[in-house]
Amino acid sequence: MTDKPHKWGTKLFVTCCAQTACCLRIEVYCGVKQQLGNGPQTSDVKSSPATVRRNIKKMIPVGRVDHHLIVVGRLYTSVPLALELLAKNVYVVGTIQIARIGYAADVIDKRKKRPIR
């Protein structure tokens, strides 16, 4: 399958409404080589957090002071992104991988097994 952009397939970044489950916005990422344009392509090494930022910018009007809540998958979360969105009154719910930049080493549990309740 030489036409696939990478062995994991194509990434879809979808923004959905929590009340109606309707799709509000879709971004398709097929890899850097598949992007359109004539000039040299720059790689966005933080494509997932950058996409969350773009979606928030498009969906929440500038100047709104309401609080918002977004639920994101573990591939899209990071501590700096959560702090940046919190400053904009956007709460983030999701799992953050411990290998992410900005994750505090003090909160990592070093035990091999979960504690017994």
PDB file of N, CA and C in Angstrom:
ATOM      1  N   MET A   1       0.840  -1.175   0.000  1.00  0.00           N
ATOM      2  CA  MET A   1       0.000   0.000   0.000  1.00  0.00           C
ATOM      3  C   MET A   1       0.885   1.238   0.000  1.00  0.00           C
ATOM      4  N   THR A   2       1.442   1.541  -1.120  1.00  0.00           N
ATOM      5  CA  THR A   2       2.364   2.665  -1.206  1.00  0.00           C
ATOM      6  C   THR A   2       1.658   4.012  -1.184  1.00  0.00           C
ATOM      7  N   ASP A   3       0.356   4.062  -1.388  1.00  0.00           N
ATOM      8  CA  ASP A   3      -0.360   5.333  -1.427  1.00  0.00           C
ATOM      9  C   ASP A   3      -0.718   5.864  -0.046  1.00  0.00           C
ATOM     10  N   LYS A   4      -0.555   5.042   0.979  1.00  0.00           N
ATOM     11  CA  LYS A   4      -0.885   5.516   2.329  1.00  0.00           C
ATOM     12  C   LYS A   4       0.184   6.501   2.797  1.00  0.00           C
ATOM     13  N   PRO A   5      -0.215   7.607   3.484  1.00  0.00           N
ATOM     14  CA  PRO A   5       0.769   8.578   3.943  1.00  0.00           C
ATOM     15  C   PRO A   5       1.726   8.024   4.992  1.00  0.00           C
ATOM     16  N   HIS A   6       1.271   7.137   5.829  1.00  0.00           N
ATOM     17  CA  HIS A   6       2.120   6.442   6.790  1.00  0.00           C
ATOM     18  C   HIS A   6       1.404   5.173   7.210  1.00  0.00           C
ATOM     19  N   LYS A   7       2.071   4.302   7.884  1.00  0.00           N
ATOM     20  CA  LYS A   7       1.500   2.981   8.144  1.00  0.00           C
ATOM     21  C   LYS A   7       0.307   2.996   9.084  1.00  0.00           C
ATOM     22  N   TRP A   8       0.036   4.115   9.768  1.00  0.00           N
ATOM     23  CA  TRP A   8      -1.100   4.170  10.687  1.00  0.00           C
ATOM     24  C   TRP A   8      -2.333   4.776  10.037  1.00  0.00           C
ATOM     25  N   GLY A   9      -2.260   5.187   8.777  1.00  0.00           N
ATOM     26  CA  GLY A   9      -3.422   5.740   8.104  1.00  0.00           C
ATOM     27  C   GLY A   9      -3.455   7.255   8.159  1.00  0.00           C
ATOM     28  N   THR A  10      -4.638   7.811   7.956  1.00  0.00           N
ATOM     29  CA  THR A  10      -4.839   9.250   7.911  1.00  0.00           C
ATOM     30  C   THR A  10      -5.411   9.731   9.233  1.00  0.00           C
ATOM     31  N   LYS A  11      -4.956  10.890   9.706  1.00  0.00           N
ATOM     32  CA  LYS A  11      -5.477  11.448  10.953  1.00  0.00           C
ATOM     33  C   LYS A  11      -6.667  12.343  10.646  1.00  0.00           C
ATOM     34  N   LEU A  12      -7.725  12.178  11.397  1.00  0.00           N
ATOM     35  CA  LEU A  12      -8.882  13.060  11.311  1.00  0.00           C
ATOM     36  C   LEU A  12      -9.009  13.810  12.622  1.00  0.00           C
ATOM     37  N   PHE A  13      -9.043  15.116  12.547  1.00  0.00           N
ATOM     38  CA  PHE A  13      -9.266  15.953  13.716  1.00  0.00           C
ATOM     39  C   PHE A  13     -10.697  16.464  13.602  1.00  0.00           C
ATOM     40  N   VAL A  14     -11.585  15.979  14.452  1.00  0.00           N
ATOM     41  CA  VAL A  14     -13.011  16.274  14.349  1.00  0.00           C
ATOM     42  C   VAL A  14     -13.475  17.017  15.591  1.00  0.00           C
ATOM     43  N   THR A  15     -14.229  18.093  15.380  1.00  0.00           N
ATOM     44  CA  THR A  15     -14.862  18.828  16.473  1.00  0.00           C
ATOM     45  C   THR A  15     -16.352  18.542  16.391  1.00  0.00           C
ATOM     46  N   CYS A  16     -16.919  18.023  17.485  1.00  0.00           N
ATOM     47  CA  CYS A  16     -18.331  17.639  17.510  1.00  0.00           C
ATOM     48  C   CYS A  16     -19.081  18.404  18.591  1.00  0.00           C
ATOM     49  N   CYS A  17     -20.378  18.540  18.402  1.00  0.00           N
ATOM     50  CA  CYS A  17     -21.247  19.161  19.394  1.00  0.00           C
ATOM     51  C   CYS A  17     -21.591  18.121  20.454  1.00  0.00           C
ATOM     52  N   ALA A  18     -21.483  18.489  21.724  1.00  0.00           N
ATOM     53  CA  ALA A  18     -21.755  17.546  22.808  1.00  0.00           C
ATOM     54  C   ALA A  18     -23.244  17.257  22.953  1.00  0.00           C
ATOM     55  N   GLN A  19     -24.097  18.195  22.566  1.00  0.00           N
ATOM     56  CA  GLN A  19     -25.536  18.000  22.740  1.00  0.00           C
ATOM     57  C   GLN A  19     -26.153  17.198  21.607  1.00  0.00           C
ATOM     58  N   THR A  20     -25.736  17.472  20.371  1.00  0.00           N
ATOM     59  CA  THR A  20     -26.369  16.824  19.226  1.00  0.00           C
ATOM     60  C   THR A  20     -25.502  15.749  18.576  1.00  0.00           C
ATOM     61  N   ALA A  21     -24.229  15.685  18.935  1.00  0.00           N
ATOM     62  CA  ALA A  21     -23.251  14.759  18.356  1.00  0.00           C
ATOM     63  C   ALA A  21     -23.018  15.019  16.871  1.00  0.00           C
ATOM     64  N   CYS A  22     -23.371  16.201  16.400  1.00  0.00           N
ATOM     65  CA  CYS A  22     -23.127  16.574  15.009  1.00  0.00           C
ATOM     66  C   CYS A  22     -21.680  17.017  14.839  1.00  0.00           C
ATOM     67  N   CYS A  23     -21.132  16.697  13.698  1.00  0.00           N
ATOM     68  CA  CYS A  23     -19.775  17.114  13.379  1.00  0.00           C
ATOM     69  C   CYS A  23     -19.802  18.588  12.980  1.00  0.00           C
ATOM     70  N   LEU A  24     -18.995  19.403  13.646  1.00  0.00           N
ATOM     71  CA  LEU A  24     -18.968  20.835  13.370  1.00  0.00           C
ATOM     72  C   LEU A  24     -17.786  21.236  12.493  1.00  0.00           C
ATOM     73  N   ARG A  25     -16.676  20.515  12.620  1.00  0.00           N
ATOM     74  CA  ARG A  25     -15.471  20.881  11.884  1.00  0.00           C
ATOM     75  C   ARG A  25     -14.583  19.649  11.744  1.00  0.00           C
ATOM     76  N   ILE A  26     -14.013  19.467  10.549  1.00  0.00           N
ATOM     77  CA  ILE A  26     -13.116  18.334  10.296  1.00  0.00           C
ATOM     78  C   ILE A  26     -11.828  18.861   9.671  1.00  0.00           C
ATOM     79  N   GLU A  27     -10.706  18.366  10.162  1.00  0.00           N
ATOM     80  CA  GLU A  27      -9.408  18.602   9.533  1.00  0.00           C
ATOM     81  C   GLU A  27      -8.827  17.241   9.198  1.00  0.00           C
ATOM     82  N   VAL A  28      -8.334  17.089   7.992  1.00  0.00           N
ATOM     83  CA  VAL A  28      -7.714  15.842   7.562  1.00  0.00           C
ATOM     84  C   VAL A  28      -6.218  16.080   7.436  1.00  0.00           C
ATOM     85  N   TYR A  29      -5.427  15.237   8.094  1.00  0.00           N
ATOM     86  CA  TYR A  29      -3.970  15.340   8.028  1.00  0.00           C
ATOM     87  C   TYR A  29      -3.447  14.076   7.367  1.00  0.00           C
ATOM     88  N   CYS A  30      -2.795  14.243   6.219  1.00  0.00           N
ATOM     89  CA  CYS A  30      -2.287  13.099   5.462  1.00  0.00           C
ATOM     90  C   CYS A  30      -0.769  13.023   5.471  1.00  0.00           C
ATOM     91  N   GLY A  31      -0.137  13.773   6.319  1.00  0.00           N
ATOM     92  CA  GLY A  31       1.315  13.797   6.355  1.00  0.00           C
ATOM     93  C   GLY A  31       1.854  15.018   5.643  1.00  0.00           C
ATOM     94  N   VAL A  32       3.098  15.354   5.915  1.00  0.00           N
ATOM     95  CA  VAL A  32       3.701  16.558   5.358  1.00  0.00           C
ATOM     96  C   VAL A  32       3.825  16.457   3.845  1.00  0.00           C
ATOM     97  N   LYS A  33       4.150  15.284   3.322  1.00  0.00           N
ATOM     98  CA  LYS A  33       4.356  15.132   1.885  1.00  0.00           C
ATOM     99  C   LYS A  33       3.060  15.291   1.096  1.00  0.00           C
ATOM    100  N   GLN A  34       1.920  15.098   1.727  1.00  0.00           N
ATOM    101  CA  GLN A  34       0.646  15.152   1.036  1.00  0.00           C
ATOM    102  C   GLN A  34       0.024  16.546   1.034  1.00  0.00           C
ATOM    103  N   GLN A  35       0.615  17.513   1.734  1.00  0.00           N
ATOM    104  CA  GLN A  35       0.022  18.841   1.815  1.00  0.00           C
ATOM    105  C   GLN A  35       0.101  19.546   0.474  1.00  0.00           C
ATOM    106  N   LEU A  36      -0.913  20.376   0.199  1.00  0.00           N
ATOM    107  CA  LEU A  36      -0.948  21.133  -1.041  1.00  0.00           C
ATOM    108  C   LEU A  36      -0.119  22.401  -0.899  1.00  0.00           C
ATOM    109  N   GLY A  37       0.375  22.903  -1.991  1.00  0.00           N
ATOM    110  CA  GLY A  37       1.145  24.143  -1.975  1.00  0.00           C
ATOM    111  C   GLY A  37       2.364  24.010  -2.861  1.00  0.00           C
ATOM    112  N   ASN A  38       2.894  25.144  -3.260  1.00  0.00           N
ATOM    113  CA  ASN A  38       4.031  25.138  -4.170  1.00  0.00           C
ATOM    114  C   ASN A  38       5.360  25.288  -3.452  1.00  0.00           C
ATOM    115  N   GLY A  39       5.384  25.990  -2.330  1.00  0.00           N
ATOM    116  CA  GLY A  39       6.625  26.256  -1.617  1.00  0.00           C
ATOM    117  C   GLY A  39       7.053  25.080  -0.771  1.00  0.00           C
ATOM    118  N   PRO A  40       8.192  25.231  -0.108  1.00  0.00           N
ATOM    119  CA  PRO A  40       8.652  24.165   0.789  1.00  0.00           C
ATOM    120  C   PRO A  40       7.705  24.017   1.973  1.00  0.00           C
ATOM    121  N   GLN A  41       7.426  22.782   2.330  1.00  0.00           N
ATOM    122  CA  GLN A  41       6.493  22.503   3.417  1.00  0.00           C
ATOM    123  C   GLN A  41       7.252  22.412   4.729  1.00  0.00           C
ATOM    124  N   THR A  42       6.725  23.066   5.747  1.00  0.00           N
ATOM    125  CA  THR A  42       7.321  22.962   7.069  1.00  0.00           C
ATOM    126  C   THR A  42       6.535  21.952   7.873  1.00  0.00           C
ATOM    127  N   SER A  43       7.234  21.149   8.618  1.00  0.00           N
ATOM    128  CA  SER A  43       6.591  20.128   9.429  1.00  0.00           C
ATOM    129  C   SER A  43       6.117  20.729  10.744  1.00  0.00           C
ATOM    130  N   ASP A  44       4.871  20.483  11.090  1.00  0.00           N
ATOM    131  CA  ASP A  44       4.336  20.921  12.370  1.00  0.00           C
ATOM    132  C   ASP A  44       4.527  19.769  13.344  1.00  0.00           C
ATOM    133  N   VAL A  45       5.590  19.835  14.150  1.00  0.00           N
ATOM    134  CA  VAL A  45       5.917  18.717  15.024  1.00  0.00           C
ATOM    135  C   VAL A  45       4.891  18.537  16.130  1.00  0.00           C
ATOM    136  N   LYS A  46       4.126  19.554  16.414  1.00  0.00           N
ATOM    137  CA  LYS A  46       3.084  19.460  17.429  1.00  0.00           C
ATOM    138  C   LYS A  46       1.730  19.563  16.743  1.00  0.00           C
ATOM    139  N   SER A  47       1.482  18.714  15.764  1.00  0.00           N
ATOM    140  CA  SER A  47       0.274  18.845  14.959  1.00  0.00           C
ATOM    141  C   SER A  47      -0.996  18.661  15.776  1.00  0.00           C
ATOM    142  N   SER A  48      -0.999  17.774  16.747  1.00  0.00           N
ATOM    143  CA  SER A  48      -2.213  17.553  17.527  1.00  0.00           C
ATOM    144  C   SER A  48      -2.562  18.743  18.415  1.00  0.00           C
ATOM    145  N   PRO A  49      -1.652  19.263  19.256  1.00  0.00           N
ATOM    146  CA  PRO A  49      -1.994  20.459  20.034  1.00  0.00           C
ATOM    147  C   PRO A  49      -2.291  21.671  19.155  1.00  0.00           C
ATOM    148  N   ALA A  50      -1.572  21.808  18.039  1.00  0.00           N
ATOM    149  CA  ALA A  50      -1.826  22.931  17.137  1.00  0.00           C
ATOM    150  C   ALA A  50      -3.225  22.832  16.541  1.00  0.00           C
ATOM    151  N   THR A  51      -3.668  21.620  16.249  1.00  0.00           N
ATOM    152  CA  THR A  51      -5.010  21.429  15.719  1.00  0.00           C
ATOM    153  C   THR A  51      -6.062  21.766  16.759  1.00  0.00           C
ATOM    154  N   VAL A  52      -5.839  21.383  18.003  1.00  0.00           N
ATOM    155  CA  VAL A  52      -6.783  21.738  19.072  1.00  0.00           C
ATOM    156  C   VAL A  52      -6.880  23.254  19.175  1.00  0.00           C
ATOM    157  N   ARG A  53      -5.747  23.941  19.108  1.00  0.00           N
ATOM    158  CA  ARG A  53      -5.758  25.408  19.170  1.00  0.00           C
ATOM    159  C   ARG A  53      -6.550  26.005  18.008  1.00  0.00           C
ATOM    160  N   ARG A  54      -6.324  25.490  16.790  1.00  0.00           N
ATOM    161  CA  ARG A  54      -7.049  26.002  15.617  1.00  0.00           C
ATOM    162  C   ARG A  54      -8.544  25.766  15.754  1.00  0.00           C
ATOM    163  N   ASN A  55      -8.931  24.579  16.221  1.00  0.00           N
ATOM    164  CA  ASN A  55     -10.353  24.284  16.376  1.00  0.00           C
ATOM    165  C   ASN A  55     -10.997  25.176  17.429  1.00  0.00           C
ATOM    166  N   ILE A  56     -10.309  25.399  18.541  1.00  0.00           N
ATOM    167  CA  ILE A  56     -10.839  26.279  19.586  1.00  0.00           C
ATOM    168  C   ILE A  56     -10.989  27.698  19.046  1.00  0.00           C
ATOM    169  N   LYS A  57      -9.995  28.140  18.286  1.00  0.00           N
ATOM    170  CA  LYS A  57     -10.031  29.494  17.725  1.00  0.00           C
ATOM    171  C   LYS A  57     -11.218  29.672  16.779  1.00  0.00           C
ATOM    172  N   LYS A  58     -11.527  28.643  15.988  1.00  0.00           N
ATOM    173  CA  LYS A  58     -12.642  28.721  15.042  1.00  0.00           C
ATOM    174  C   LYS A  58     -14.004  28.582  15.727  1.00  0.00           C
ATOM    175  N   MET A  59     -14.074  27.778  16.791  1.00  0.00           N
ATOM    176  CA  MET A  59     -15.370  27.463  17.391  1.00  0.00           C
ATOM    177  C   MET A  59     -15.799  28.447  18.482  1.00  0.00           C
ATOM    178  N   ILE A  60     -14.858  29.035  19.186  1.00  0.00           N
ATOM    179  CA  ILE A  60     -15.199  29.951  20.272  1.00  0.00           C
ATOM    180  C   ILE A  60     -14.882  31.368  19.813  1.00  0.00           C
ATOM    181  N   PRO A  61     -15.889  32.228  19.736  1.00  0.00           N
ATOM    182  CA  PRO A  61     -15.657  33.598  19.263  1.00  0.00           C
ATOM    183  C   PRO A  61     -14.703  34.363  20.178  1.00  0.00           C
ATOM    184  N   VAL A  62     -13.959  35.276  19.591  1.00  0.00           N
ATOM    185  CA  VAL A  62     -13.023  36.109  20.347  1.00  0.00           C
ATOM    186  C   VAL A  62     -13.819  37.059  21.236  1.00  0.00           C
ATOM    187  N   GLY A  63     -13.365  37.220  22.456  1.00  0.00           N
ATOM    188  CA  GLY A  63     -14.027  38.135  23.374  1.00  0.00           C
ATOM    189  C   GLY A  63     -15.077  37.491  24.262  1.00  0.00           C
ATOM    190  N   ARG A  64     -15.400  36.211  24.045  1.00  0.00           N
ATOM    191  CA  ARG A  64     -16.365  35.519  24.906  1.00  0.00           C
ATOM    192  C   ARG A  64     -15.708  35.231  26.236  1.00  0.00           C
ATOM    193  N   VAL A  65     -16.418  35.506  27.314  1.00  0.00           N
ATOM    194  CA  VAL A  65     -15.863  35.252  28.646  1.00  0.00           C
ATOM    195  C   VAL A  65     -16.497  34.031  29.289  1.00  0.00           C
ATOM    196  N   ASP A  66     -17.365  33.335  28.568  1.00  0.00           N
ATOM    197  CA  ASP A  66     -17.988  32.120  29.098  1.00  0.00           C
ATOM    198  C   ASP A  66     -16.926  31.051  29.318  1.00  0.00           C
ATOM    199  N   HIS A  67     -17.229  30.138  30.218  1.00  0.00           N
ATOM    200  CA  HIS A  67     -16.356  28.984  30.431  1.00  0.00           C
ATOM    201  C   HIS A  67     -16.796  27.868  29.494  1.00  0.00           C
ATOM    202  N   HIS A  68     -15.846  27.172  28.933  1.00  0.00           N
ATOM    203  CA  HIS A  68     -16.116  26.074  28.015  1.00  0.00           C
ATOM    204  C   HIS A  68     -15.385  24.835  28.500  1.00  0.00           C
ATOM    205  N   LEU A  69     -15.852  23.674  28.060  1.00  0.00           N
ATOM    206  CA  LEU A  69     -15.251  22.400  28.430  1.00  0.00           C
ATOM    207  C   LEU A  69     -15.023  21.597  27.162  1.00  0.00           C
ATOM    208  N   ILE A  70     -13.813  21.093  26.982  1.00  0.00           N
ATOM    209  CA  ILE A  70     -13.548  20.210  25.854  1.00  0.00           C
ATOM    210  C   ILE A  70     -13.005  18.893  26.389  1.00  0.00           C
ATOM    211  N   VAL A  71     -13.343  17.828  25.701  1.00  0.00           N
ATOM    212  CA  VAL A  71     -12.857  16.492  26.039  1.00  0.00           C
ATOM    213  C   VAL A  71     -11.956  16.060  24.891  1.00  0.00           C
ATOM    214  N   VAL A  72     -10.723  15.694  25.222  1.00  0.00           N
ATOM    215  CA  VAL A  72      -9.751  15.345  24.191  1.00  0.00           C
ATOM    216  C   VAL A  72      -9.154  13.977  24.471  1.00  0.00           C
ATOM    217  N   GLY A  73      -8.697  13.331  23.419  1.00  0.00           N
ATOM    218  CA  GLY A  73      -8.021  12.048  23.551  1.00  0.00           C
ATOM    219  C   GLY A  73      -6.588  12.241  24.006  1.00  0.00           C
ATOM    220  N   ARG A  74      -5.946  11.161  24.403  1.00  0.00           N
ATOM    221  CA  ARG A  74      -4.605  11.254  24.987  1.00  0.00           C
ATOM    222  C   ARG A  74      -3.549  11.706  23.993  1.00  0.00           C
ATOM    223  N   LEU A  75      -3.797  11.563  22.714  1.00  0.00           N
ATOM    224  CA  LEU A  75      -2.823  12.002  21.720  1.00  0.00           C
ATOM    225  C   LEU A  75      -2.842  13.509  21.513  1.00  0.00           C
ATOM    226  N   TYR A  76      -3.902  14.159  21.976  1.00  0.00           N
ATOM    227  CA  TYR A  76      -4.063  15.590  21.744  1.00  0.00           C
ATOM    228  C   TYR A  76      -3.751  16.427  22.971  1.00  0.00           C
ATOM    229  N   THR A  77      -3.475  15.814  24.104  1.00  0.00           N
ATOM    230  CA  THR A  77      -3.312  16.570  25.340  1.00  0.00           C
ATOM    231  C   THR A  77      -1.848  16.775  25.692  1.00  0.00           C
ATOM    232  N   SER A  78      -1.603  17.860  26.365  1.00  0.00           N
ATOM    233  CA  SER A  78      -0.297  18.146  26.946  1.00  0.00           C
ATOM    234  C   SER A  78      -0.522  19.165  28.048  1.00  0.00           C
ATOM    235  N   VAL A  79       0.400  19.235  28.985  1.00  0.00           N
ATOM    236  CA  VAL A  79       0.266  20.179  30.095  1.00  0.00           C
ATOM    237  C   VAL A  79       0.308  21.623  29.596  1.00  0.00           C
ATOM    238  N   PRO A  80       1.257  22.000  28.716  1.00  0.00           N
ATOM    239  CA  PRO A  80       1.253  23.389  28.233  1.00  0.00           C
ATOM    240  C   PRO A  80      -0.035  23.761  27.498  1.00  0.00           C
ATOM    241  N   LEU A  81      -0.591  22.827  26.715  1.00  0.00           N
ATOM    242  CA  LEU A  81      -1.848  23.102  26.018  1.00  0.00           C
ATOM    243  C   LEU A  81      -2.981  23.313  27.013  1.00  0.00           C
ATOM    244  N   ALA A  82      -3.068  22.468  28.038  1.00  0.00           N
ATOM    245  CA  ALA A  82      -4.124  22.606  29.041  1.00  0.00           C
ATOM    246  C   ALA A  82      -4.008  23.936  29.779  1.00  0.00           C
ATOM    247  N   LEU A  83      -2.796  24.346  30.117  1.00  0.00           N
ATOM    248  CA  LEU A  83      -2.606  25.625  30.806  1.00  0.00           C
ATOM    249  C   LEU A  83      -2.941  26.809  29.903  1.00  0.00           C
ATOM    250  N   GLU A  84      -2.586  26.700  28.633  1.00  0.00           N
ATOM    251  CA  GLU A  84      -2.902  27.767  27.679  1.00  0.00           C
ATOM    252  C   GLU A  84      -4.410  27.921  27.507  1.00  0.00           C
ATOM    253  N   LEU A  85      -5.118  26.797  27.402  1.00  0.00           N
ATOM    254  CA  LEU A  85      -6.568  26.858  27.240  1.00  0.00           C
ATOM    255  C   LEU A  85      -7.255  27.313  28.524  1.00  0.00           C
ATOM    256  N   LEU A  86      -6.708  26.944  29.681  1.00  0.00           N
ATOM    257  CA  LEU A  86      -7.275  27.391  30.951  1.00  0.00           C
ATOM    258  C   LEU A  86      -7.225  28.910  31.064  1.00  0.00           C
ATOM    259  N   ALA A  87      -6.172  29.514  30.543  1.00  0.00           N
ATOM    260  CA  ALA A  87      -6.066  30.977  30.548  1.00  0.00           C
ATOM    261  C   ALA A  87      -7.150  31.620  29.685  1.00  0.00           C
ATOM    262  N   LYS A  88      -7.710  30.847  28.741  1.00  0.00           N
ATOM    263  CA  LYS A  88      -8.782  31.346  27.867  1.00  0.00           C
ATOM    264  C   LYS A  88     -10.159  30.883  28.337  1.00  0.00           C
ATOM    265  N   ASN A  89     -10.272  30.437  29.592  1.00  0.00           N
ATOM    266  CA  ASN A  89     -11.525  29.945  30.183  1.00  0.00           C
ATOM    267  C   ASN A  89     -12.044  28.690  29.492  1.00  0.00           C
ATOM    268  N   VAL A  90     -11.142  27.851  29.018  1.00  0.00           N
ATOM    269  CA  VAL A  90     -11.506  26.578  28.404  1.00  0.00           C
ATOM    270  C   VAL A  90     -10.911  25.473  29.268  1.00  0.00           C
ATOM    271  N   TYR A  91     -11.779  24.644  29.848  1.00  0.00           N
ATOM    272  CA  TYR A  91     -11.331  23.527  30.674  1.00  0.00           C
ATOM    273  C   TYR A  91     -11.096  22.310  29.787  1.00  0.00           C
ATOM    274  N   VAL A  92     -10.046  21.561  30.075  1.00  0.00           N
ATOM    275  CA  VAL A  92      -9.679  20.386  29.286  1.00  0.00           C
ATOM    276  C   VAL A  92      -9.851  19.147  30.146  1.00  0.00           C
ATOM    277  N   VAL A  93     -10.560  18.152  29.616  1.00  0.00           N
ATOM    278  CA  VAL A  93     -10.720  16.864  30.280  1.00  0.00           C
ATOM    279  C   VAL A  93     -10.104  15.815  29.367  1.00  0.00           C
ATOM    280  N   GLY A  94      -9.196  15.018  29.905  1.00  0.00           N
ATOM    281  CA  GLY A  94      -8.568  13.980  29.108  1.00  0.00           C
ATOM    282  C   GLY A  94      -7.367  13.405  29.833  1.00  0.00           C
ATOM    283  N   THR A  95      -6.830  12.344  29.304  1.00  0.00           N
ATOM    284  CA  THR A  95      -5.666  11.680  29.873  1.00  0.00           C
ATOM    285  C   THR A  95      -4.405  12.291  29.286  1.00  0.00           C
ATOM    286  N   ILE A  96      -3.446  12.611  30.150  1.00  0.00           N
ATOM    287  CA  ILE A  96      -2.166  13.125  29.686  1.00  0.00           C
ATOM    288  C   ILE A  96      -1.129  12.028  29.888  1.00  0.00           C
ATOM    289  N   GLN A  97      -0.411  11.677  28.841  1.00  0.00           N
ATOM    290  CA  GLN A  97       0.626  10.659  28.941  1.00  0.00           C
ATOM    291  C   GLN A  97       1.786  11.194  29.774  1.00  0.00           C
ATOM    292  N   ILE A  98       2.389  10.330  30.577  1.00  0.00           N
ATOM    293  CA  ILE A  98       3.448  10.786  31.477  1.00  0.00           C
ATOM    294  C   ILE A  98       4.730  11.145  30.734  1.00  0.00           C
ATOM    295  N   ALA A  99       4.855  10.756  29.483  1.00  0.00           N
ATOM    296  CA  ALA A  99       6.056  11.079  28.714  1.00  0.00           C
ATOM    297  C   ALA A  99       5.972  12.459  28.060  1.00  0.00           C
ATOM    298  N   ARG A 100       4.865  13.168  28.242  1.00  0.00           N
ATOM    299  CA  ARG A 100       4.695  14.482  27.616  1.00  0.00           C
ATOM    300  C   ARG A 100       5.553  15.548  28.294  1.00  0.00           C
ATOM    301  N   ILE A 101       5.946  16.526  27.518  1.00  0.00           N
ATOM    302  CA  ILE A 101       6.724  17.647  28.055  1.00  0.00           C
ATOM    303  C   ILE A 101       5.837  18.445  29.003  1.00  0.00           C
ATOM    304  N   GLY A 102       6.375  18.783  30.151  1.00  0.00           N
ATOM    305  CA  GLY A 102       5.639  19.587  31.114  1.00  0.00           C
ATOM    306  C   GLY A 102       4.957  18.782  32.196  1.00  0.00           C
ATOM    307  N   TYR A 103       4.945  17.460  32.083  1.00  0.00           N
ATOM    308  CA  TYR A 103       4.316  16.609  33.092  1.00  0.00           C
ATOM    309  C   TYR A 103       5.250  16.533  34.295  1.00  0.00           C
ATOM    310  N   ALA A 104       4.731  16.828  35.471  1.00  0.00           N
ATOM    311  CA  ALA A 104       5.558  16.874  36.681  1.00  0.00           C
ATOM    312  C   ALA A 104       6.015  15.473  37.079  1.00  0.00           C
ATOM    313  N   ALA A 105       7.297  15.318  37.312  1.00  0.00           N
ATOM    314  CA  ALA A 105       7.854  14.014  37.690  1.00  0.00           C
ATOM    315  C   ALA A 105       7.425  13.603  39.093  1.00  0.00           C
ATOM    316  N   ASP A 106       7.023  14.562  39.925  1.00  0.00           N
ATOM    317  CA  ASP A 106       6.622  14.255  41.301  1.00  0.00           C
ATOM    318  C   ASP A 106       5.317  13.462  41.383  1.00  0.00           C
ATOM    319  N   VAL A 107       4.474  13.548  40.378  1.00  0.00           N
ATOM    320  CA  VAL A 107       3.179  12.873  40.446  1.00  0.00           C
ATOM    321  C   VAL A 107       3.181  11.504  39.783  1.00  0.00           C
ATOM    322  N   ILE A 108       4.296  11.091  39.226  1.00  0.00           N
ATOM    323  CA  ILE A 108       4.381   9.779  38.579  1.00  0.00           C
ATOM    324  C   ILE A 108       4.508   8.705  39.649  1.00  0.00           C
ATOM    325  N   ASP A 109       3.631   7.710  39.591  1.00  0.00           N
ATOM    326  CA  ASP A 109       3.649   6.600  40.540  1.00  0.00           C
ATOM    327  C   ASP A 109       4.634   5.552  40.036  1.00  0.00           C
ATOM    328  N   LYS A 110       5.632   5.245  40.812  1.00  0.00           N
ATOM    329  CA  LYS A 110       6.694   4.337  40.384  1.00  0.00           C
ATOM    330  C   LYS A 110       6.433   2.881  40.756  1.00  0.00           C
ATOM    331  N   ARG A 111       5.299   2.600  41.374  1.00  0.00           N
ATOM    332  CA  ARG A 111       4.989   1.213  41.739  1.00  0.00           C
ATOM    333  C   ARG A 111       4.642   0.404  40.496  1.00  0.00           C
ATOM    334  N   LYS A 112       4.963  -0.863  40.527  1.00  0.00           N
ATOM    335  CA  LYS A 112       4.674  -1.743  39.396  1.00  0.00           C
ATOM    336  C   LYS A 112       3.198  -2.132  39.347  1.00  0.00           C
ATOM    337  N   LYS A 113       2.578  -2.278  40.534  1.00  0.00           N
ATOM    338  CA  LYS A 113       1.177  -2.691  40.601  1.00  0.00           C
ATOM    339  C   LYS A 113       0.348  -1.592  41.234  1.00  0.00           C
ATOM    340  N   ARG A 114      -0.932  -1.614  40.948  1.00  0.00           N
ATOM    341  CA  ARG A 114      -1.848  -0.655  41.553  1.00  0.00           C
ATOM    342  C   ARG A 114      -2.045  -0.989  43.024  1.00  0.00           C
ATOM    343  N   PRO A 115      -2.264   0.006  43.871  1.00  0.00           N
ATOM    344  CA  PRO A 115      -2.489  -0.278  45.292  1.00  0.00           C
ATOM    345  C   PRO A 115      -3.808  -1.010  45.503  1.00  0.00           C
ATOM    346  N   ILE A 116      -3.858  -1.843  46.541  1.00  0.00           N
ATOM    347  CA  ILE A 116      -5.074  -2.591  46.868  1.00  0.00           C
ATOM    348  C   ILE A 116      -6.017  -1.662  47.601  1.00  0.00           C
ATOM    349  N   ARG A 117      -7.286  -1.702  47.223  1.00  0.00           N
ATOM    350  CA  ARG A 117      -8.283  -0.834  47.866  1.00  0.00           C
ATOM    351  C   ARG A 117      -8.783  -1.441  49.130  1.00  0.00           C
TER     352      ARG A 117
END
